[in-house]
Amino acid sequence: MPCSPVPLAVAAGSKPVPSSSTVKARHWPSGHERYLDEIGELIGRPGPPDPAAIAEVRARYDIQQLTPMVAGPPR
């Protein structure tokens, strides 16, 4: 099964780690890994994330944000 690296800001609720992490998960329907890639690119840019660009990606993948968006590692 392919793995997608998940930025710490996306893996809400996880404990911060000193290095990068990989989450192995199965998603149905497929394509969720592309969503994570696109969100990772948006939040990995310098400066604050663009909420409109993130909303557009979420709408394209039919994803609803249930928790507040927080830039940076989990607290």
PDB file of N, CA and C in Angstrom:
ATOM      1  N   MET A   1       0.846  -1.168   0.000  1.00  0.00           N
ATOM      2  CA  MET A   1       0.000   0.000   0.000  1.00  0.00           C
ATOM      3  C   MET A   1       0.897   1.238   0.000  1.00  0.00           C
ATOM      4  N   PRO A   2       0.641   2.205  -0.891  1.00  0.00           N
ATOM      5  CA  PRO A   2       1.460   3.420  -0.915  1.00  0.00           C
ATOM      6  C   PRO A   2       1.214   4.268   0.326  1.00  0.00           C
ATOM      7  N   CYS A   3       2.227   4.999   0.723  1.00  0.00           N
ATOM      8  CA  CYS A   3       2.137   5.875   1.896  1.00  0.00           C
ATOM      9  C   CYS A   3       2.276   7.320   1.459  1.00  0.00           C
ATOM     10  N   SER A   4       1.566   8.199   2.120  1.00  0.00           N
ATOM     11  CA  SER A   4       1.681   9.632   1.869  1.00  0.00           C
ATOM     12  C   SER A   4       2.214  10.305   3.119  1.00  0.00           C
ATOM     13  N   PRO A   5       3.279  11.113   2.993  1.00  0.00           N
ATOM     14  CA  PRO A   5       3.721  11.860   4.158  1.00  0.00           C
ATOM     15  C   PRO A   5       2.657  12.878   4.542  1.00  0.00           C
ATOM     16  N   VAL A   6       2.399  13.030   5.818  1.00  0.00           N
ATOM     17  CA  VAL A   6       1.373  13.942   6.302  1.00  0.00           C
ATOM     18  C   VAL A   6       2.046  15.038   7.106  1.00  0.00           C
ATOM     19  N   PRO A   7       1.891  16.313   6.691  1.00  0.00           N
ATOM     20  CA  PRO A   7       2.480  17.396   7.478  1.00  0.00           C
ATOM     21  C   PRO A   7       1.908  17.374   8.889  1.00  0.00           C
ATOM     22  N   LEU A   8       2.704  17.752   9.867  1.00  0.00           N
ATOM     23  CA  LEU A   8       2.253  17.728  11.260  1.00  0.00           C
ATOM     24  C   LEU A   8       0.999  18.557  11.461  1.00  0.00           C
ATOM     25  N   ALA A   9       0.861  19.650  10.722  1.00  0.00           N
ATOM     26  CA  ALA A   9      -0.327  20.496  10.882  1.00  0.00           C
ATOM     27  C   ALA A   9      -1.586  19.767  10.445  1.00  0.00           C
ATOM     28  N   VAL A  10      -1.463  18.801   9.553  1.00  0.00           N
ATOM     29  CA  VAL A  10      -2.620  18.051   9.074  1.00  0.00           C
ATOM     30  C   VAL A  10      -2.979  16.947  10.052  1.00  0.00           C
ATOM     31  N   ALA A  11      -1.992  16.365  10.690  1.00  0.00           N
ATOM     32  CA  ALA A  11      -2.223  15.249  11.602  1.00  0.00           C
ATOM     33  C   ALA A  11      -2.653  15.773  12.971  1.00  0.00           C
ATOM     34  N   ALA A  12      -3.787  16.460  12.992  1.00  0.00           N
ATOM     35  CA  ALA A  12      -4.264  17.074  14.235  1.00  0.00           C
ATOM     36  C   ALA A  12      -4.507  16.005  15.288  1.00  0.00           C
ATOM     37  N   GLY A  13      -4.179  16.351  16.502  1.00  0.00           N
ATOM     38  CA  GLY A  13      -4.396  15.436  17.591  1.00  0.00           C
ATOM     39  C   GLY A  13      -3.235  14.506  17.857  1.00  0.00           C
ATOM     40  N   SER A  14      -2.223  14.543  17.008  1.00  0.00           N
ATOM     41  CA  SER A  14      -1.066  13.684  17.231  1.00  0.00           C
ATOM     42  C   SER A  14      -0.046  14.413  18.097  1.00  0.00           C
ATOM     43  N   LYS A  15       0.849  13.659  18.667  1.00  0.00           N
ATOM     44  CA  LYS A  15       1.908  14.251  19.485  1.00  0.00           C
ATOM     45  C   LYS A  15       3.032  14.727  18.576  1.00  0.00           C
ATOM     46  N   PRO A  16       3.622  15.896  18.836  1.00  0.00           N
ATOM     47  CA  PRO A  16       4.749  16.370  18.031  1.00  0.00           C
ATOM     48  C   PRO A  16       5.929  15.399  18.139  1.00  0.00           C
ATOM     49  N   VAL A  17       6.624  15.228  17.047  1.00  0.00           N
ATOM     50  CA  VAL A  17       7.808  14.380  17.028  1.00  0.00           C
ATOM     51  C   VAL A  17       8.971  15.188  16.467  1.00  0.00           C
ATOM     52  N   PRO A  18      10.208  14.833  16.815  1.00  0.00           N
ATOM     53  CA  PRO A  18      11.346  15.622  16.348  1.00  0.00           C
ATOM     54  C   PRO A  18      11.666  15.439  14.865  1.00  0.00           C
ATOM     55  N   SER A  19      11.079  14.447  14.229  1.00  0.00           N
ATOM     56  CA  SER A  19      11.343  14.234  12.807  1.00  0.00           C
ATOM     57  C   SER A  19      10.028  14.029  12.082  1.00  0.00           C
ATOM     58  N   SER A  20      10.088  13.872  10.758  1.00  0.00           N
ATOM     59  CA  SER A  20       8.865  13.683   9.989  1.00  0.00           C
ATOM     60  C   SER A  20       8.247  12.324  10.301  1.00  0.00           C
ATOM     61  N   SER A  21       6.974  12.209  10.033  1.00  0.00           N
ATOM     62  CA  SER A  21       6.245  10.973  10.296  1.00  0.00           C
ATOM     63  C   SER A  21       5.517  10.534   9.042  1.00  0.00           C
ATOM     64  N   THR A  22       5.153   9.284   8.990  1.00  0.00           N
ATOM     65  CA  THR A  22       4.347   8.743   7.901  1.00  0.00           C
ATOM     66  C   THR A  22       3.150   8.047   8.506  1.00  0.00           C
ATOM     67  N   VAL A  23       1.983   8.325   7.942  1.00  0.00           N
ATOM     68  CA  VAL A  23       0.756   7.696   8.394  1.00  0.00           C
ATOM     69  C   VAL A  23       0.336   6.702   7.332  1.00  0.00           C
ATOM     70  N   LYS A  24       0.114   5.460   7.743  1.00  0.00           N
ATOM     71  CA  LYS A  24      -0.388   4.450   6.821  1.00  0.00           C
ATOM     72  C   LYS A  24      -1.871   4.282   7.085  1.00  0.00           C
ATOM     73  N   ALA A  25      -2.667   4.520   6.061  1.00  0.00           N
ATOM     74  CA  ALA A  25      -4.114   4.414   6.209  1.00  0.00           C
ATOM     75  C   ALA A  25      -4.729   4.021   4.880  1.00  0.00           C
ATOM     76  N   ARG A  26      -5.870   3.399   4.959  1.00  0.00           N
ATOM     77  CA  ARG A  26      -6.639   3.084   3.751  1.00  0.00           C
ATOM     78  C   ARG A  26      -7.809   4.051   3.688  1.00  0.00           C
ATOM     79  N   HIS A  27      -8.052   4.578   2.507  1.00  0.00           N
ATOM     80  CA  HIS A  27      -9.122   5.549   2.326  1.00  0.00           C
ATOM     81  C   HIS A  27     -10.038   5.055   1.221  1.00  0.00           C
ATOM     82  N   TRP A  28     -11.315   5.202   1.457  1.00  0.00           N
ATOM     83  CA  TRP A  28     -12.277   4.832   0.432  1.00  0.00           C
ATOM     84  C   TRP A  28     -13.251   5.975   0.295  1.00  0.00           C
ATOM     85  N   PRO A  29     -13.502   6.518  -0.853  1.00  0.00           N
ATOM     86  CA  PRO A  29     -12.891   6.140  -2.125  1.00  0.00           C
ATOM     87  C   PRO A  29     -11.443   6.608  -2.221  1.00  0.00           C
ATOM     88  N   SER A  30     -10.732   6.025  -3.157  1.00  0.00           N
ATOM     89  CA  SER A  30      -9.317   6.376  -3.312  1.00  0.00           C
ATOM     90  C   SER A  30      -9.182   7.827  -3.787  1.00  0.00           C
ATOM     91  N   GLY A  31      -7.989   8.365  -3.679  1.00  0.00           N
ATOM     92  CA  GLY A  31      -7.739   9.740  -4.096  1.00  0.00           C
ATOM     93  C   GLY A  31      -7.429  10.655  -2.926  1.00  0.00           C
ATOM     94  N   HIS A  32      -7.671  10.177  -1.702  1.00  0.00           N
ATOM     95  CA  HIS A  32      -7.421  11.017  -0.533  1.00  0.00           C
ATOM     96  C   HIS A  32      -5.953  11.403  -0.436  1.00  0.00           C
ATOM     97  N   GLU A  33      -5.062  10.526  -0.922  1.00  0.00           N
ATOM     98  CA  GLU A  33      -3.634  10.857  -0.868  1.00  0.00           C
ATOM     99  C   GLU A  33      -3.322  12.091  -1.721  1.00  0.00           C
ATOM    100  N   ARG A  34      -4.044  12.276  -2.813  1.00  0.00           N
ATOM    101  CA  ARG A  34      -3.830  13.477  -3.636  1.00  0.00           C
ATOM    102  C   ARG A  34      -4.306  14.722  -2.887  1.00  0.00           C
ATOM    103  N   TYR A  35      -5.410  14.591  -2.148  1.00  0.00           N
ATOM    104  CA  TYR A  35      -5.888  15.698  -1.320  1.00  0.00           C
ATOM    105  C   TYR A  35      -4.810  16.101  -0.314  1.00  0.00           C
ATOM    106  N   LEU A  36      -4.225  15.114   0.380  1.00  0.00           N
ATOM    107  CA  LEU A  36      -3.189  15.406   1.373  1.00  0.00           C
ATOM    108  C   LEU A  36      -1.961  16.038   0.721  1.00  0.00           C
ATOM    109  N   ASP A  37      -1.595  15.577  -0.478  1.00  0.00           N
ATOM    110  CA  ASP A  37      -0.460  16.172  -1.196  1.00  0.00           C
ATOM    111  C   ASP A  37      -0.726  17.648  -1.472  1.00  0.00           C
ATOM    112  N   GLU A  38      -1.937  17.944  -1.972  1.00  0.00           N
ATOM    113  CA  GLU A  38      -2.264  19.334  -2.316  1.00  0.00           C
ATOM    114  C   GLU A  38      -2.340  20.223  -1.073  1.00  0.00           C
ATOM    115  N   ILE A  39      -2.955  19.736  -0.014  1.00  0.00           N
ATOM    116  CA  ILE A  39      -3.031  20.522   1.222  1.00  0.00           C
ATOM    117  C   ILE A  39      -1.627  20.725   1.786  1.00  0.00           C
ATOM    118  N   GLY A  40      -0.795  19.684   1.740  1.00  0.00           N
ATOM    119  CA  GLY A  40       0.578  19.792   2.222  1.00  0.00           C
ATOM    120  C   GLY A  40       1.362  20.853   1.476  1.00  0.00           C
ATOM    121  N   GLU A  41       1.157  20.936   0.148  1.00  0.00           N
ATOM    122  CA  GLU A  41       1.830  21.974  -0.644  1.00  0.00           C
ATOM    123  C   GLU A  41       1.363  23.361  -0.215  1.00  0.00           C
ATOM    124  N   LEU A  42       0.070  23.518   0.020  1.00  0.00           N
ATOM    125  CA  LEU A  42      -0.465  24.831   0.395  1.00  0.00           C
ATOM    126  C   LEU A  42       0.034  25.281   1.763  1.00  0.00           C
ATOM    127  N   ILE A  43       0.034  24.377   2.736  1.00  0.00           N
ATOM    128  CA  ILE A  43       0.454  24.805   4.073  1.00  0.00           C
ATOM    129  C   ILE A  43       1.962  24.788   4.243  1.00  0.00           C
ATOM    130  N   GLY A  44       2.667  24.204   3.273  1.00  0.00           N
ATOM    131  CA  GLY A  44       4.121  24.178   3.345  1.00  0.00           C
ATOM    132  C   GLY A  44       4.781  25.416   2.765  1.00  0.00           C
ATOM    133  N   ARG A  45       3.991  26.294   2.177  1.00  0.00           N
ATOM    134  CA  ARG A  45       4.539  27.536   1.603  1.00  0.00           C
ATOM    135  C   ARG A  45       4.876  28.517   2.714  1.00  0.00           C
ATOM    136  N   PRO A  46       5.832  29.421   2.444  1.00  0.00           N
ATOM    137  CA  PRO A  46       6.135  30.454   3.447  1.00  0.00           C
ATOM    138  C   PRO A  46       4.918  31.343   3.692  1.00  0.00           C
ATOM    139  N   GLY A  47       4.791  31.811   4.912  1.00  0.00           N
ATOM    140  CA  GLY A  47       3.683  32.696   5.254  1.00  0.00           C
ATOM    141  C   GLY A  47       2.464  31.924   5.686  1.00  0.00           C
ATOM    142  N   PRO A  48       1.423  32.648   6.032  1.00  0.00           N
ATOM    143  CA  PRO A  48       0.200  31.981   6.490  1.00  0.00           C
ATOM    144  C   PRO A  48      -0.499  31.259   5.334  1.00  0.00           C
ATOM    145  N   PRO A  49      -1.195  30.169   5.637  1.00  0.00           N
ATOM    146  CA  PRO A  49      -1.926  29.459   4.573  1.00  0.00           C
ATOM    147  C   PRO A  49      -3.042  30.323   4.008  1.00  0.00           C
ATOM    148  N   ASP A  50      -3.351  30.127   2.739  1.00  0.00           N
ATOM    149  CA  ASP A  50      -4.419  30.854   2.060  1.00  0.00           C
ATOM    150  C   ASP A  50      -5.733  30.091   2.274  1.00  0.00           C
ATOM    151  N   PRO A  51      -6.632  30.603   3.142  1.00  0.00           N
ATOM    152  CA  PRO A  51      -7.876  29.884   3.431  1.00  0.00           C
ATOM    153  C   PRO A  51      -8.734  29.637   2.189  1.00  0.00           C
ATOM    154  N   ALA A  52      -8.736  30.555   1.246  1.00  0.00           N
ATOM    155  CA  ALA A  52      -9.541  30.371   0.034  1.00  0.00           C
ATOM    156  C   ALA A  52      -8.996  29.219  -0.810  1.00  0.00           C
ATOM    157  N   ALA A  53      -7.680  29.118  -0.935  1.00  0.00           N
ATOM    158  CA  ALA A  53      -7.072  28.025  -1.708  1.00  0.00           C
ATOM    159  C   ALA A  53      -7.328  26.684  -1.027  1.00  0.00           C
ATOM    160  N   ILE A  54      -7.242  26.663   0.299  1.00  0.00           N
ATOM    161  CA  ILE A  54      -7.506  25.429   1.042  1.00  0.00           C
ATOM    162  C   ILE A  54      -8.980  25.040   0.901  1.00  0.00           C
ATOM    163  N   ALA A  55      -9.877  26.009   0.974  1.00  0.00           N
ATOM    164  CA  ALA A  55     -11.309  25.739   0.813  1.00  0.00           C
ATOM    165  C   ALA A  55     -11.599  25.176  -0.577  1.00  0.00           C
ATOM    166  N   GLU A  56     -10.904  25.681  -1.597  1.00  0.00           N
ATOM    167  CA  GLU A  56     -11.114  25.196  -2.969  1.00  0.00           C
ATOM    168  C   GLU A  56     -10.683  23.739  -3.095  1.00  0.00           C
ATOM    169  N   VAL A  57      -9.529  23.402  -2.512  1.00  0.00           N
ATOM    170  CA  VAL A  57      -9.053  22.015  -2.566  1.00  0.00           C
ATOM    171  C   VAL A  57     -10.033  21.116  -1.813  1.00  0.00           C
ATOM    172  N   ARG A  58     -10.460  21.540  -0.647  1.00  0.00           N
ATOM    173  CA  ARG A  58     -11.413  20.736   0.133  1.00  0.00           C
ATOM    174  C   ARG A  58     -12.714  20.521  -0.635  1.00  0.00           C
ATOM    175  N   ALA A  59     -13.214  21.547  -1.282  1.00  0.00           N
ATOM    176  CA  ALA A  59     -14.453  21.423  -2.053  1.00  0.00           C
ATOM    177  C   ALA A  59     -14.290  20.427  -3.200  1.00  0.00           C
ATOM    178  N   ARG A  60     -13.133  20.472  -3.867  1.00  0.00           N
ATOM    179  CA  ARG A  60     -12.877  19.552  -4.979  1.00  0.00           C
ATOM    180  C   ARG A  60     -12.879  18.097  -4.546  1.00  0.00           C
ATOM    181  N   TYR A  61     -12.420  17.842  -3.339  1.00  0.00           N
ATOM    182  CA  TYR A  61     -12.347  16.468  -2.825  1.00  0.00           C
ATOM    183  C   TYR A  61     -13.520  16.140  -1.898  1.00  0.00           C
ATOM    184  N   ASP A  62     -14.510  17.034  -1.799  1.00  0.00           N
ATOM    185  CA  ASP A  62     -15.686  16.843  -0.963  1.00  0.00           C
ATOM    186  C   ASP A  62     -15.291  16.569   0.491  1.00  0.00           C
ATOM    187  N   ILE A  63     -14.368  17.399   1.001  1.00  0.00           N
ATOM    188  CA  ILE A  63     -13.871  17.287   2.375  1.00  0.00           C
ATOM    189  C   ILE A  63     -14.427  18.454   3.185  1.00  0.00           C
ATOM    190  N   GLN A  64     -14.951  18.180   4.365  1.00  0.00           N
ATOM    191  CA  GLN A  64     -15.426  19.237   5.264  1.00  0.00           C
ATOM    192  C   GLN A  64     -14.476  19.315   6.454  1.00  0.00           C
ATOM    193  N   GLN A  65     -14.051  20.519   6.775  1.00  0.00           N
ATOM    194  CA  GLN A  65     -13.158  20.741   7.913  1.00  0.00           C
ATOM    195  C   GLN A  65     -13.980  20.736   9.188  1.00  0.00           C
ATOM    196  N   LEU A  66     -13.701  19.801  10.092  1.00  0.00           N
ATOM    197  CA  LEU A  66     -14.462  19.690  11.337  1.00  0.00           C
ATOM    198  C   LEU A  66     -13.790  20.386  12.512  1.00  0.00           C
ATOM    199  N   THR A  67     -12.476  20.581  12.413  1.00  0.00           N
ATOM    200  CA  THR A  67     -11.734  21.214  13.494  1.00  0.00           C
ATOM    201  C   THR A  67     -11.113  22.509  12.976  1.00  0.00           C
ATOM    202  N   PRO A  68     -10.766  23.432  13.838  1.00  0.00           N
ATOM    203  CA  PRO A  68     -10.140  24.678  13.367  1.00  0.00           C
ATOM    204  C   PRO A  68      -8.803  24.389  12.672  1.00  0.00           C
ATOM    205  N   MET A  69      -8.539  25.138  11.610  1.00  0.00           N
ATOM    206  CA  MET A  69      -7.270  25.002  10.918  1.00  0.00           C
ATOM    207  C   MET A  69      -6.192  25.708  11.736  1.00  0.00           C
ATOM    208  N   VAL A  70      -5.124  24.986  12.040  1.00  0.00           N
ATOM    209  CA  VAL A  70      -4.015  25.524  12.825  1.00  0.00           C
ATOM    210  C   VAL A  70      -2.742  25.320  12.028  1.00  0.00           C
ATOM    211  N   ALA A  71      -2.026  26.395  11.753  1.00  0.00           N
ATOM    212  CA  ALA A  71      -0.748  26.292  11.044  1.00  0.00           C
ATOM    213  C   ALA A  71       0.341  25.950  12.045  1.00  0.00           C
ATOM    214  N   GLY A  72       1.220  25.045  11.674  1.00  0.00           N
ATOM    215  CA  GLY A  72       2.336  24.670  12.537  1.00  0.00           C
ATOM    216  C   GLY A  72       2.089  23.351  13.217  1.00  0.00           C
ATOM    217  N   PRO A  73       3.056  22.911  14.004  1.00  0.00           N
ATOM    218  CA  PRO A  73       2.923  21.625  14.676  1.00  0.00           C
ATOM    219  C   PRO A  73       1.825  21.659  15.739  1.00  0.00           C
ATOM    220  N   PRO A  74       1.234  20.516  16.037  1.00  0.00           N
ATOM    221  CA  PRO A  74       0.213  20.473  17.080  1.00  0.00           C
ATOM    222  C   PRO A  74       0.773  20.945  18.420  1.00  0.00           C
ATOM    223  N   ARG A  75      -0.090  21.517  19.232  1.00  0.00           N
ATOM    224  CA  ARG A  75       0.331  21.995  20.564  1.00  0.00           C
ATOM    225  C   ARG A  75       0.200  20.924  21.590  1.00  0.00           C
TER     226      ARG A  75
END
